[in-house]
Protein backbone atom coordinates (compact mmCIF):
# COMPACT_ATOMS: atom_id res chain seq x y z
CA UNK A 1 0.13 5.90 30.88
CA UNK A 2 0.89 7.70 34.14
CA UNK A 3 3.62 9.79 32.53
CA UNK A 4 0.95 11.23 30.26
CA UNK A 5 -0.75 12.75 33.30
CA UNK A 6 2.35 14.04 35.09
CA UNK A 7 2.51 17.26 33.08
CA UNK A 8 -1.05 18.05 34.09
CA UNK A 9 -0.33 17.42 37.79
CA UNK A 10 2.81 19.55 37.64
CA UNK A 11 0.90 22.33 35.87
CA UNK A 12 -1.86 22.24 38.48
CA UNK A 13 0.61 22.28 41.40
CA UNK A 14 2.45 25.21 39.83
CA UNK A 15 -0.74 27.22 39.32
CA UNK A 16 -2.13 26.45 42.77
CA UNK A 17 1.21 27.31 44.42
CA UNK A 18 1.36 30.61 42.58
CA UNK A 19 -2.14 31.42 43.85
CA UNK A 20 -1.35 30.23 47.36
CA UNK A 21 1.84 32.31 47.67
CA UNK A 22 -0.25 35.47 47.17
CA UNK A 23 -2.29 34.80 50.31
CA UNK A 24 -2.00 36.95 53.43
CA UNK A 25 -0.66 34.19 55.68
CA UNK A 26 2.38 33.79 53.40
CA UNK A 27 3.15 37.47 53.85
CA UNK A 28 2.81 37.01 57.60
CA UNK A 29 5.19 34.03 57.54
CA UNK A 30 7.72 36.04 55.55
CA UNK A 31 7.43 38.86 58.10
CA UNK A 32 8.14 36.38 60.90
CA UNK A 33 11.35 35.38 59.13
CA UNK A 34 10.39 31.87 58.05
CA UNK A 35 12.36 30.69 55.04
CA UNK A 36 10.67 30.43 51.65
CA UNK A 37 11.24 26.68 51.53
CA UNK A 38 9.51 26.13 54.88
CA UNK A 39 6.60 28.33 53.84
CA UNK A 40 6.12 26.36 50.62
CA UNK A 41 6.48 22.92 52.20
CA UNK A 42 4.69 23.38 55.52
CA UNK A 43 1.94 25.78 54.60
CA UNK A 44 1.30 26.11 50.88
CA UNK A 45 1.73 22.47 49.85
CA UNK A 46 -0.36 21.35 52.78
CA UNK A 47 -3.21 23.57 51.62
CA UNK A 48 -3.16 22.43 47.99
CA UNK A 49 -2.55 18.70 48.50
CA UNK A 50 -6.17 17.69 49.25
CA UNK A 51 -7.40 19.12 45.95
CA UNK A 52 -4.49 17.54 44.08
CA UNK A 53 -5.21 14.14 45.61
CA UNK A 54 -8.81 14.37 44.50
CA UNK A 55 -7.73 15.24 40.96
CA UNK A 56 -5.35 12.28 40.94
CA UNK A 57 -8.04 9.94 42.24
CA UNK A 58 -10.47 11.13 39.58
CA UNK A 59 -7.93 10.35 36.86
CA UNK A 60 -7.58 6.67 37.93
CA UNK A 61 -10.46 5.47 35.68
CA UNK A 62 -8.95 7.35 32.75
CA UNK A 63 -5.57 5.71 33.32
CA UNK A 64 -7.14 2.25 33.69
CA UNK A 65 -9.21 2.70 30.54
CA UNK A 66 -6.16 3.86 28.61
CA UNK A 67 -4.21 0.90 29.89
CA UNK A 68 -6.92 -1.45 28.68
CA UNK A 69 -6.84 0.12 25.21
CA UNK A 70 -3.03 0.07 24.96
CA UNK A 71 -2.90 -3.57 26.07
CA UNK A 72 -5.52 -4.52 23.51
CA UNK A 73 -3.99 -2.60 20.60
CA UNK A 74 -0.41 -3.74 21.20
CA UNK A 75 -1.34 -7.27 22.41
CA UNK A 76 0.34 -6.86 25.77
CA UNK A 77 -0.72 -9.49 28.29
CA UNK A 78 -2.92 -7.93 30.93
CA UNK A 79 -6.44 -7.07 31.92
CA UNK A 80 -7.13 -5.21 28.65
CA UNK A 81 -6.25 -8.21 26.52
CA UNK A 82 -8.13 -10.50 28.88
CA UNK A 83 -11.27 -8.38 28.67
CA UNK A 84 -11.02 -8.17 24.87
CA UNK A 85 -10.66 -11.94 24.55
CA UNK A 86 -13.49 -12.50 27.01
CA UNK A 87 -15.70 -10.28 24.87
CA UNK A 88 -14.63 -12.07 21.70
CA UNK A 89 -15.42 -15.52 23.12
CA UNK A 90 -18.57 -14.28 24.90
CA UNK A 91 -17.27 -15.12 28.36
CA UNK A 92 -19.71 -12.86 30.20
CA UNK A 93 -18.71 -14.09 33.65
CA UNK A 94 -15.12 -12.96 33.07
CA UNK A 95 -16.32 -9.60 31.71
CA UNK A 96 -18.48 -9.05 34.78
CA UNK A 97 -15.57 -9.98 37.07
CA UNK A 98 -13.25 -7.56 35.25
CA UNK A 99 -15.82 -4.75 35.42
CA UNK A 100 -16.28 -5.36 39.13
CA UNK A 101 -12.51 -5.46 39.67
CA UNK A 102 -12.01 -2.21 37.80
CA UNK A 103 -14.88 -0.57 39.68
CA UNK A 104 -13.46 -1.76 42.99
CA UNK A 105 -10.03 -0.32 42.14
CA UNK A 106 -11.59 3.04 41.27
CA UNK A 107 -13.61 3.07 44.49
CA UNK A 108 -10.58 2.14 46.61
CA UNK A 109 -8.49 4.92 45.09
CA UNK A 110 -11.25 7.47 45.67
CA UNK A 111 -11.65 6.28 49.27
CA UNK A 112 -7.90 6.49 49.88
CA UNK A 113 -7.81 10.00 48.44
CA UNK A 114 -10.66 11.01 50.75
CA UNK A 115 -8.97 9.50 53.83
CA UNK A 116 -5.60 11.11 53.08
CA UNK A 117 -7.29 14.45 52.35
CA UNK A 118 -9.07 14.32 55.71
CA UNK A 119 -5.79 13.45 57.43
CA UNK A 120 -3.98 16.37 55.79
CA UNK A 121 -6.78 18.89 56.31
CA UNK A 122 -9.03 18.22 59.34
CA UNK A 123 -11.56 20.80 58.08
CA UNK A 124 -12.64 18.29 55.41
CA UNK A 125 -13.94 15.80 57.96
CA UNK A 126 -17.68 15.29 57.98
CA UNK A 127 -19.44 16.37 61.15
CA UNK A 128 -21.39 13.44 62.60
CA UNK A 129 -23.65 15.48 64.79
CA UNK A 130 -25.03 18.94 64.11
CA UNK A 131 -24.87 19.85 67.80
CA UNK A 132 -21.11 19.23 67.81
CA UNK A 133 -20.68 21.70 64.95
CA UNK A 134 -22.54 24.48 66.72
């Protein structure tokens, strides 16, 4: 299921890198004599990674939902089959637990993406006090 999304991530990284390499700071780095590899790794990738992490975190529910469907259709043992059988036998407590588990996983991945994005790019941090921002 994750391999299905890799082409999209690679396509997005390629497009964002091509946009980022046209920026003025890249020209300045080239003028200073920094190698192309260092420019791409230290500057360009660092600028595009927060948005890529958010896109990856947003796709977690899609991947989980697809996994549930694949497990149900092909009778693989897992949470998809468990939720299907719980629905068939009207085990509502199990269905609620699985929904809560899936929701918790989605929330945790979104929180991790936010924390890593703030670590990579300090400008994304929320300002706690308006006076500190001024």
